[in-house]
Amino acid sequence: MKLTPEHIDQLYKFTRTHYVEWYDLQTELVDHLANDIEDIWEKDPNLNFDQAKNMAFKKFGIFGFHDVIKDKSNAVSKRYRKLLWQIFKDYFKPPKIIITLLITIIIFSLLNLTAYKTTILITAFWIIFIIPIVFGFRYKLELNKRYKETRKKWMIDEIIKQSGLLFLISIQIPIQLLRYINPKNTLELNSIELLIASFFLSLFIIFVYILTKVIPPKLKEEMSKLYPEYKLYRKA
């Protein structure tokens, strides 16, 4: 026996009722369940669809899809971090390292023109701190709009939306470092302190650019190759 389109629709509903929110993971589970159900039917064709479905589901253990969701989420997050780190490292290799050094020199030179170096630096770091928050909020609104139109969620979109948390944690490093190199919180920084602060500021400018402009399109392109429907979903 072969599964009908109606059976496939029922399997999608079945995964949703078992707390699988993301369409890409639903598709993988439906494919897995469908293959198992057809194998079960080959051995015992007298079973109805629900009986075969429940037998296939029992193979996932007492926790059902929970472990699958966890493993998939970890795998997607790991893939995202790996891609982010690889692109970020490229800015420390020729020729892109020139961009990093050029931004550092520009910031260093501009700060040398003012007497309020520390105030400007802290303000700049906080502005960069806010940008990923705004990006995450706008991305969430976009996802909500798409969900209303398509009724589908994709795990990679959730990872992109949550990626700002990584940045919000890491941005604390230069802020704390700035306090360390200038513990008295004076408005004066020597040349070495100013150069270090300028370098960190340039790093996080690049980091924000990669996080918001470079990584999302690359991941979406990969997703479109794996799931052609995702490309249509993005246009919705």
C-alpha atoms as a PDB file:
ATOM      1  CA  MET A   1       0.000   0.000   0.000  1.00  0.00           C
ATOM      2  CA  LYS A   2       1.032   3.579  -0.687  1.00  0.00           C
ATOM      3  CA  LEU A   3       0.234   6.708   1.239  1.00  0.00           C
ATOM      4  CA  THR A   4      -2.246   9.090  -0.337  1.00  0.00           C
ATOM      5  CA  PRO A   5      -1.988  12.917  -0.279  1.00  0.00           C
ATOM      6  CA  GLU A   6      -4.653  12.867   2.414  1.00  0.00           C
ATOM      7  CA  HIS A   7      -2.445  10.599   4.525  1.00  0.00           C
ATOM      8  CA  ILE A   8       0.479  12.985   4.094  1.00  0.00           C
ATOM      9  CA  ASP A   9      -1.678  15.907   5.242  1.00  0.00           C
ATOM     10  CA  GLN A  10      -2.673  13.899   8.300  1.00  0.00           C
ATOM     11  CA  LEU A  11       1.001  13.236   9.083  1.00  0.00           C
ATOM     12  CA  TYR A  12       1.761  16.967   8.932  1.00  0.00           C
ATOM     13  CA  LYS A  13      -1.120  17.598  11.350  1.00  0.00           C
ATOM     14  CA  PHE A  14       0.187  14.776  13.532  1.00  0.00           C
ATOM     15  CA  THR A  15       3.644  16.374  13.823  1.00  0.00           C
ATOM     16  CA  ARG A  16       2.080  19.739  14.666  1.00  0.00           C
ATOM     17  CA  THR A  17      -0.028  18.232  17.436  1.00  0.00           C
ATOM     18  CA  HIS A  18       3.204  16.800  18.864  1.00  0.00           C
ATOM     19  CA  TYR A  19       4.768  20.266  19.186  1.00  0.00           C
ATOM     20  CA  VAL A  20       6.815  20.324  15.980  1.00  0.00           C
ATOM     21  CA  GLU A  21       6.342  23.944  14.899  1.00  0.00           C
ATOM     22  CA  TRP A  22       8.831  24.201  12.050  1.00  0.00           C
ATOM     23  CA  TYR A  23       7.857  23.155   8.553  1.00  0.00           C
ATOM     24  CA  ASP A  24      11.339  21.981   7.523  1.00  0.00           C
ATOM     25  CA  LEU A  25      11.483  19.615  10.504  1.00  0.00           C
ATOM     26  CA  GLN A  26       7.874  18.563   9.930  1.00  0.00           C
ATOM     27  CA  THR A  27       8.795  17.636   6.344  1.00  0.00           C
ATOM     28  CA  GLU A  28      11.711  15.476   7.488  1.00  0.00           C
ATOM     29  CA  LEU A  29       9.581  13.716  10.092  1.00  0.00           C
ATOM     30  CA  VAL A  30       6.689  13.178   7.678  1.00  0.00           C
ATOM     31  CA  ASP A  31       9.069  11.628   5.175  1.00  0.00           C
ATOM     32  CA  HIS A  32      10.491   9.371   7.881  1.00  0.00           C
ATOM     33  CA  LEU A  33       7.061   8.357   9.164  1.00  0.00           C
ATOM     34  CA  ALA A  34       5.752   7.754   5.632  1.00  0.00           C
ATOM     35  CA  ASN A  35       8.606   5.361   4.847  1.00  0.00           C
ATOM     36  CA  ASP A  36       8.086   3.498   8.119  1.00  0.00           C
ATOM     37  CA  ILE A  37       4.326   3.242   7.575  1.00  0.00           C
ATOM     38  CA  GLU A  38       4.789   1.775   4.103  1.00  0.00           C
ATOM     39  CA  ASP A  39       7.323  -0.725   5.486  1.00  0.00           C
ATOM     40  CA  ILE A  40       4.837  -1.699   8.216  1.00  0.00           C
ATOM     41  CA  TRP A  41       2.086  -2.152   5.632  1.00  0.00           C
ATOM     42  CA  GLU A  42       4.304  -4.450   3.577  1.00  0.00           C
ATOM     43  CA  LYS A  43       4.617  -6.713   6.616  1.00  0.00           C
ATOM     44  CA  ASP A  44       1.006  -6.383   7.730  1.00  0.00           C
ATOM     45  CA  PRO A  45      -1.330  -4.922   5.063  1.00  0.00           C
ATOM     46  CA  ASN A  46      -4.371  -5.476   7.297  1.00  0.00           C
ATOM     47  CA  LEU A  47      -3.438  -2.573   9.553  1.00  0.00           C
ATOM     48  CA  ASN A  48      -5.255   0.704   8.961  1.00  0.00           C
ATOM     49  CA  PHE A  49      -3.457   4.035   8.632  1.00  0.00           C
ATOM     50  CA  ASP A  50      -3.781   5.095  12.280  1.00  0.00           C
ATOM     51  CA  GLN A  51      -2.498   1.766  13.542  1.00  0.00           C
ATOM     52  CA  ALA A  52       0.513   1.860  11.230  1.00  0.00           C
ATOM     53  CA  LYS A  53       1.149   5.511  12.114  1.00  0.00           C
ATOM     54  CA  ASN A  54       1.134   4.791  15.843  1.00  0.00           C
ATOM     55  CA  MET A  55       3.538   1.890  15.353  1.00  0.00           C
ATOM     56  CA  ALA A  56       5.898   4.133  13.384  1.00  0.00           C
ATOM     57  CA  PHE A  57       5.661   6.840  16.060  1.00  0.00           C
ATOM     58  CA  LYS A  58       6.556   4.386  18.841  1.00  0.00           C
ATOM     59  CA  LYS A  59      10.014   4.067  17.279  1.00  0.00           C
ATOM     60  CA  PHE A  60      10.763   7.600  18.513  1.00  0.00           C
ATOM     61  CA  GLY A  61      10.538   6.420  22.127  1.00  0.00           C
ATOM     62  CA  ILE A  62       8.652   7.707  25.138  1.00  0.00           C
ATOM     63  CA  PHE A  63       9.679  11.319  24.489  1.00  0.00           C
ATOM     64  CA  GLY A  64       8.288  11.290  20.966  1.00  0.00           C
ATOM     65  CA  PHE A  65       9.744  13.982  18.726  1.00  0.00           C
ATOM     66  CA  HIS A  66      11.384  15.861  21.610  1.00  0.00           C
ATOM     67  CA  ASP A  67      14.883  14.478  21.043  1.00  0.00           C
ATOM     68  CA  VAL A  68      14.587  14.974  17.277  1.00  0.00           C
ATOM     69  CA  ILE A  69      13.626  18.632  17.761  1.00  0.00           C
ATOM     70  CA  LYS A  70      16.534  19.148  20.149  1.00  0.00           C
ATOM     71  CA  ASP A  71      19.069  17.467  17.849  1.00  0.00           C
ATOM     72  CA  LYS A  72      17.834  19.361  14.794  1.00  0.00           C
ATOM     73  CA  SER A  73      17.908  22.692  16.612  1.00  0.00           C
ATOM     74  CA  ASN A  74      21.466  22.030  17.819  1.00  0.00           C
ATOM     75  CA  ALA A  75      22.554  21.027  14.322  1.00  0.00           C
ATOM     76  CA  VAL A  76      21.073  24.148  12.712  1.00  0.00           C
ATOM     77  CA  SER A  77      22.554  26.390  15.441  1.00  0.00           C
ATOM     78  CA  LYS A  78      25.962  24.768  15.024  1.00  0.00           C
ATOM     79  CA  ARG A  79      25.813  25.261  11.260  1.00  0.00           C
ATOM     80  CA  TYR A  80      24.870  28.908  11.752  1.00  0.00           C
ATOM     81  CA  ARG A  81      27.715  29.566  14.217  1.00  0.00           C
ATOM     82  CA  LYS A  82      30.210  27.812  11.962  1.00  0.00           C
ATOM     83  CA  LEU A  83      29.211  29.941   8.979  1.00  0.00           C
ATOM     84  CA  LEU A  84      29.262  33.106  11.089  1.00  0.00           C
ATOM     85  CA  TRP A  85      32.734  32.325  12.432  1.00  0.00           C
ATOM     86  CA  GLN A  86      34.091  31.434   8.980  1.00  0.00           C
ATOM     87  CA  ILE A  87      32.913  34.703   7.435  1.00  0.00           C
ATOM     88  CA  PHE A  88      34.133  36.688  10.432  1.00  0.00           C
ATOM     89  CA  LYS A  89      37.592  35.086  10.138  1.00  0.00           C
ATOM     90  CA  ASP A  90      37.769  36.160   6.498  1.00  0.00           C
ATOM     91  CA  TYR A  91      38.020  39.757   7.675  1.00  0.00           C
ATOM     92  CA  PHE A  92      41.354  38.877   9.327  1.00  0.00           C
ATOM     93  CA  LYS A  93      42.844  37.473   6.135  1.00  0.00           C
ATOM     94  CA  PRO A  94      44.046  39.304   3.038  1.00  0.00           C
ATOM     95  CA  PRO A  95      42.509  41.205   1.401  1.00  0.00           C
ATOM     96  CA  LYS A  96      39.571  41.796   3.786  1.00  0.00           C
ATOM     97  CA  ILE A  97      41.792  42.498   6.776  1.00  0.00           C
ATOM     98  CA  ILE A  98      42.576  45.774   5.046  1.00  0.00           C
ATOM     99  CA  ILE A  99      38.942  46.774   5.602  1.00  0.00           C
ATOM    100  CA  THR A 100      39.252  46.088   9.335  1.00  0.00           C
ATOM    101  CA  LEU A 101      42.494  48.054   9.608  1.00  0.00           C
ATOM    102  CA  LEU A 102      41.106  50.900   7.520  1.00  0.00           C
ATOM    103  CA  ILE A 103      38.028  51.226   9.743  1.00  0.00           C
ATOM    104  CA  THR A 104      40.265  51.165  12.824  1.00  0.00           C
ATOM    105  CA  ILE A 105      42.470  53.950  11.443  1.00  0.00           C
ATOM    106  CA  ILE A 106      39.467  56.074  10.490  1.00  0.00           C
ATOM    107  CA  ILE A 107      37.905  55.707  13.952  1.00  0.00           C
ATOM    108  CA  PHE A 108      41.237  56.360  15.657  1.00  0.00           C
ATOM    109  CA  SER A 109      41.838  59.473  13.568  1.00  0.00           C
ATOM    110  CA  LEU A 110      38.352  60.889  14.137  1.00  0.00           C
ATOM    111  CA  LEU A 111      38.527  60.297  17.886  1.00  0.00           C
ATOM    112  CA  ASN A 112      41.820  62.142  18.040  1.00  0.00           C
ATOM    113  CA  LEU A 113      39.982  65.244  16.880  1.00  0.00           C
ATOM    114  CA  THR A 114      37.799  65.434  19.998  1.00  0.00           C
ATOM    115  CA  ALA A 115      38.364  65.804  23.721  1.00  0.00           C
ATOM    116  CA  TYR A 116      35.415  63.535  24.583  1.00  0.00           C
ATOM    117  CA  LYS A 117      36.911  60.268  23.376  1.00  0.00           C
ATOM    118  CA  THR A 118      35.575  58.009  26.148  1.00  0.00           C
ATOM    119  CA  THR A 119      32.049  59.418  25.973  1.00  0.00           C
ATOM    120  CA  ILE A 120      31.919  59.004  22.199  1.00  0.00           C
ATOM    121  CA  LEU A 121      33.327  55.470  22.360  1.00  0.00           C
ATOM    122  CA  ILE A 122      30.832  54.296  24.963  1.00  0.00           C
ATOM    123  CA  THR A 123      28.003  55.910  23.028  1.00  0.00           C
ATOM    124  CA  ALA A 124      29.180  54.207  19.824  1.00  0.00           C
ATOM    125  CA  PHE A 125      29.337  50.810  21.524  1.00  0.00           C
ATOM    126  CA  TRP A 126      25.818  51.230  22.874  1.00  0.00           C
ATOM    127  CA  ILE A 127      24.510  52.235  19.450  1.00  0.00           C
ATOM    128  CA  ILE A 128      26.030  49.051  18.014  1.00  0.00           C
ATOM    129  CA  PHE A 129      24.512  47.157  20.941  1.00  0.00           C
ATOM    130  CA  ILE A 130      21.030  48.384  19.964  1.00  0.00           C
ATOM    131  CA  ILE A 131      21.269  47.587  16.232  1.00  0.00           C
ATOM    132  CA  PRO A 132      20.899  43.753  16.594  1.00  0.00           C
ATOM    133  CA  ILE A 133      17.927  44.323  18.924  1.00  0.00           C
ATOM    134  CA  VAL A 134      16.227  46.415  16.252  1.00  0.00           C
ATOM    135  CA  PHE A 135      17.170  43.828  13.613  1.00  0.00           C
ATOM    136  CA  GLY A 136      15.704  41.001  15.702  1.00  0.00           C
ATOM    137  CA  PHE A 137      12.490  42.953  16.322  1.00  0.00           C
ATOM    138  CA  ARG A 138      12.008  43.788  12.629  1.00  0.00           C
ATOM    139  CA  TYR A 139      12.801  40.217  11.632  1.00  0.00           C
ATOM    140  CA  LYS A 140      10.238  38.936  14.113  1.00  0.00           C
ATOM    141  CA  LEU A 141       7.577  41.212  12.603  1.00  0.00           C
ATOM    142  CA  GLU A 142       8.488  39.941   9.144  1.00  0.00           C
ATOM    143  CA  LEU A 143       8.213  36.316  10.292  1.00  0.00           C
ATOM    144  CA  ASN A 144       4.850  36.970  11.932  1.00  0.00           C
ATOM    145  CA  LYS A 145       3.559  38.482   8.699  1.00  0.00           C
ATOM    146  CA  ARG A 146       4.791  35.526   6.647  1.00  0.00           C
ATOM    147  CA  TYR A 147       3.304  33.055   9.103  1.00  0.00           C
ATOM    148  CA  LYS A 148      -0.126  34.676   8.830  1.00  0.00           C
ATOM    149  CA  GLU A 149       0.074  34.307   5.041  1.00  0.00           C
ATOM    150  CA  THR A 150       1.583  30.810   4.797  1.00  0.00           C
ATOM    151  CA  ARG A 151       0.926  29.210   8.233  1.00  0.00           C
ATOM    152  CA  LYS A 152       4.475  27.851   8.116  1.00  0.00           C
ATOM    153  CA  LYS A 153       7.483  28.382  10.378  1.00  0.00           C
ATOM    154  CA  TRP A 154      11.066  27.476   9.480  1.00  0.00           C
ATOM    155  CA  MET A 155      13.695  26.609  12.064  1.00  0.00           C
ATOM    156  CA  ILE A 156      16.469  28.572  10.339  1.00  0.00           C
ATOM    157  CA  ASP A 157      14.407  31.760  10.655  1.00  0.00           C
ATOM    158  CA  GLU A 158      14.143  31.235  14.398  1.00  0.00           C
ATOM    159  CA  ILE A 159      17.922  30.774  14.636  1.00  0.00           C
ATOM    160  CA  ILE A 160      18.542  33.983  12.671  1.00  0.00           C
ATOM    161  CA  LYS A 161      16.075  35.873  14.852  1.00  0.00           C
ATOM    162  CA  GLN A 162      17.730  34.663  18.051  1.00  0.00           C
ATOM    163  CA  SER A 163      21.306  35.186  16.848  1.00  0.00           C
ATOM    164  CA  GLY A 164      21.315  38.722  18.184  1.00  0.00           C
ATOM    165  CA  LEU A 165      21.635  37.256  21.689  1.00  0.00           C
ATOM    166  CA  LEU A 166      25.152  36.062  20.845  1.00  0.00           C
ATOM    167  CA  PHE A 167      26.082  39.578  19.832  1.00  0.00           C
ATOM    168  CA  LEU A 168      24.463  41.181  22.869  1.00  0.00           C
ATOM    169  CA  ILE A 169      26.639  39.005  25.111  1.00  0.00           C
ATOM    170  CA  SER A 170      29.861  39.517  23.156  1.00  0.00           C
ATOM    171  CA  ILE A 171      29.487  43.312  22.938  1.00  0.00           C
ATOM    172  CA  GLN A 172      29.999  43.434  26.711  1.00  0.00           C
ATOM    173  CA  ILE A 173      33.656  42.482  26.166  1.00  0.00           C
ATOM    174  CA  PRO A 174      34.827  45.813  24.694  1.00  0.00           C
ATOM    175  CA  ILE A 175      32.568  47.783  27.049  1.00  0.00           C
ATOM    176  CA  GLN A 176      34.183  46.113  30.060  1.00  0.00           C
ATOM    177  CA  LEU A 177      37.629  46.387  28.447  1.00  0.00           C
ATOM    178  CA  LEU A 178      37.124  50.103  27.981  1.00  0.00           C
ATOM    179  CA  ARG A 179      36.403  50.414  31.688  1.00  0.00           C
ATOM    180  CA  TYR A 180      39.530  48.388  32.457  1.00  0.00           C
ATOM    181  CA  ILE A 181      41.905  50.446  30.330  1.00  0.00           C
ATOM    182  CA  ASN A 182      40.337  53.618  31.707  1.00  0.00           C
ATOM    183  CA  PRO A 183      39.326  52.687  35.314  1.00  0.00           C
ATOM    184  CA  LYS A 184      38.979  56.287  36.486  1.00  0.00           C
ATOM    185  CA  ASN A 185      36.451  56.949  33.722  1.00  0.00           C
ATOM    186  CA  THR A 186      38.289  60.084  32.672  1.00  0.00           C
ATOM    187  CA  LEU A 187      37.752  61.810  29.366  1.00  0.00           C
ATOM    188  CA  GLU A 188      41.382  61.282  28.424  1.00  0.00           C
ATOM    189  CA  LEU A 189      42.759  58.165  26.731  1.00  0.00           C
ATOM    190  CA  ASN A 190      46.353  57.681  25.733  1.00  0.00           C
ATOM    191  CA  SER A 191      47.209  56.620  22.185  1.00  0.00           C
ATOM    192  CA  ILE A 192      47.463  52.888  22.991  1.00  0.00           C
ATOM    193  CA  GLU A 193      44.135  52.850  24.829  1.00  0.00           C
ATOM    194  CA  LEU A 194      42.506  54.758  22.002  1.00  0.00           C
ATOM    195  CA  LEU A 195      43.929  52.407  19.377  1.00  0.00           C
ATOM    196  CA  ILE A 196      42.708  49.312  21.253  1.00  0.00           C
ATOM    197  CA  ALA A 197      39.237  50.795  21.671  1.00  0.00           C
ATOM    198  CA  SER A 198      39.146  51.819  18.006  1.00  0.00           C
ATOM    199  CA  PHE A 199      40.100  48.299  16.955  1.00  0.00           C
ATOM    200  CA  PHE A 200      37.341  46.708  19.050  1.00  0.00           C
ATOM    201  CA  LEU A 201      34.815  49.206  17.732  1.00  0.00           C
ATOM    202  CA  SER A 202      35.792  48.345  14.153  1.00  0.00           C
ATOM    203  CA  LEU A 203      35.457  44.633  14.952  1.00  0.00           C
ATOM    204  CA  PHE A 204      31.922  45.018  16.190  1.00  0.00           C
ATOM    205  CA  ILE A 205      30.923  47.254  13.295  1.00  0.00           C
ATOM    206  CA  ILE A 206      32.003  44.426  11.002  1.00  0.00           C
ATOM    207  CA  PHE A 207      30.325  41.859  13.256  1.00  0.00           C
ATOM    208  CA  VAL A 208      26.995  43.710  13.076  1.00  0.00           C
ATOM    209  CA  TYR A 209      27.306  43.988   9.298  1.00  0.00           C
ATOM    210  CA  ILE A 210      27.984  40.240   8.957  1.00  0.00           C
ATOM    211  CA  LEU A 211      25.223  39.341  11.411  1.00  0.00           C
ATOM    212  CA  THR A 212      22.516  41.443   9.765  1.00  0.00           C
ATOM    213  CA  LYS A 213      23.512  41.705   6.090  1.00  0.00           C
ATOM    214  CA  VAL A 214      25.796  38.813   5.104  1.00  0.00           C
ATOM    215  CA  ILE A 215      24.741  35.699   7.031  1.00  0.00           C
ATOM    216  CA  PRO A 216      20.916  35.752   6.625  1.00  0.00           C
ATOM    217  CA  PRO A 217      20.964  35.824   2.781  1.00  0.00           C
ATOM    218  CA  LYS A 218      23.558  33.025   2.675  1.00  0.00           C
ATOM    219  CA  LEU A 219      21.544  30.786   4.995  1.00  0.00           C
ATOM    220  CA  LYS A 220      18.327  31.539   3.120  1.00  0.00           C
ATOM    221  CA  GLU A 221      20.024  30.627  -0.148  1.00  0.00           C
ATOM    222  CA  GLU A 222      21.135  27.291   1.311  1.00  0.00           C
ATOM    223  CA  MET A 223      17.637  26.660   2.658  1.00  0.00           C
ATOM    224  CA  SER A 224      16.136  27.373  -0.761  1.00  0.00           C
ATOM    225  CA  LYS A 225      18.361  24.679  -2.242  1.00  0.00           C
ATOM    226  CA  LEU A 226      17.345  22.135   0.397  1.00  0.00           C
ATOM    227  CA  TYR A 227      13.669  23.103   0.392  1.00  0.00           C
ATOM    228  CA  PRO A 228      12.449  24.715  -2.872  1.00  0.00           C
ATOM    229  CA  GLU A 229       9.237  25.687  -1.093  1.00  0.00           C
ATOM    230  CA  TYR A 230      11.243  27.939   1.225  1.00  0.00           C
ATOM    231  CA  LYS A 231      12.056  30.197  -1.728  1.00  0.00           C
ATOM    232  CA  LEU A 232       8.355  30.626  -2.426  1.00  0.00           C
ATOM    233  CA  TYR A 233       7.720  31.187   1.283  1.00  0.00           C
ATOM    234  CA  ARG A 234      10.244  34.050   1.370  1.00  0.00           C
ATOM    235  CA  LYS A 235       8.369  35.788  -1.443  1.00  0.00           C
ATOM    236  CA  ALA A 236       5.057  35.517   0.359  1.00  0.00           C
END
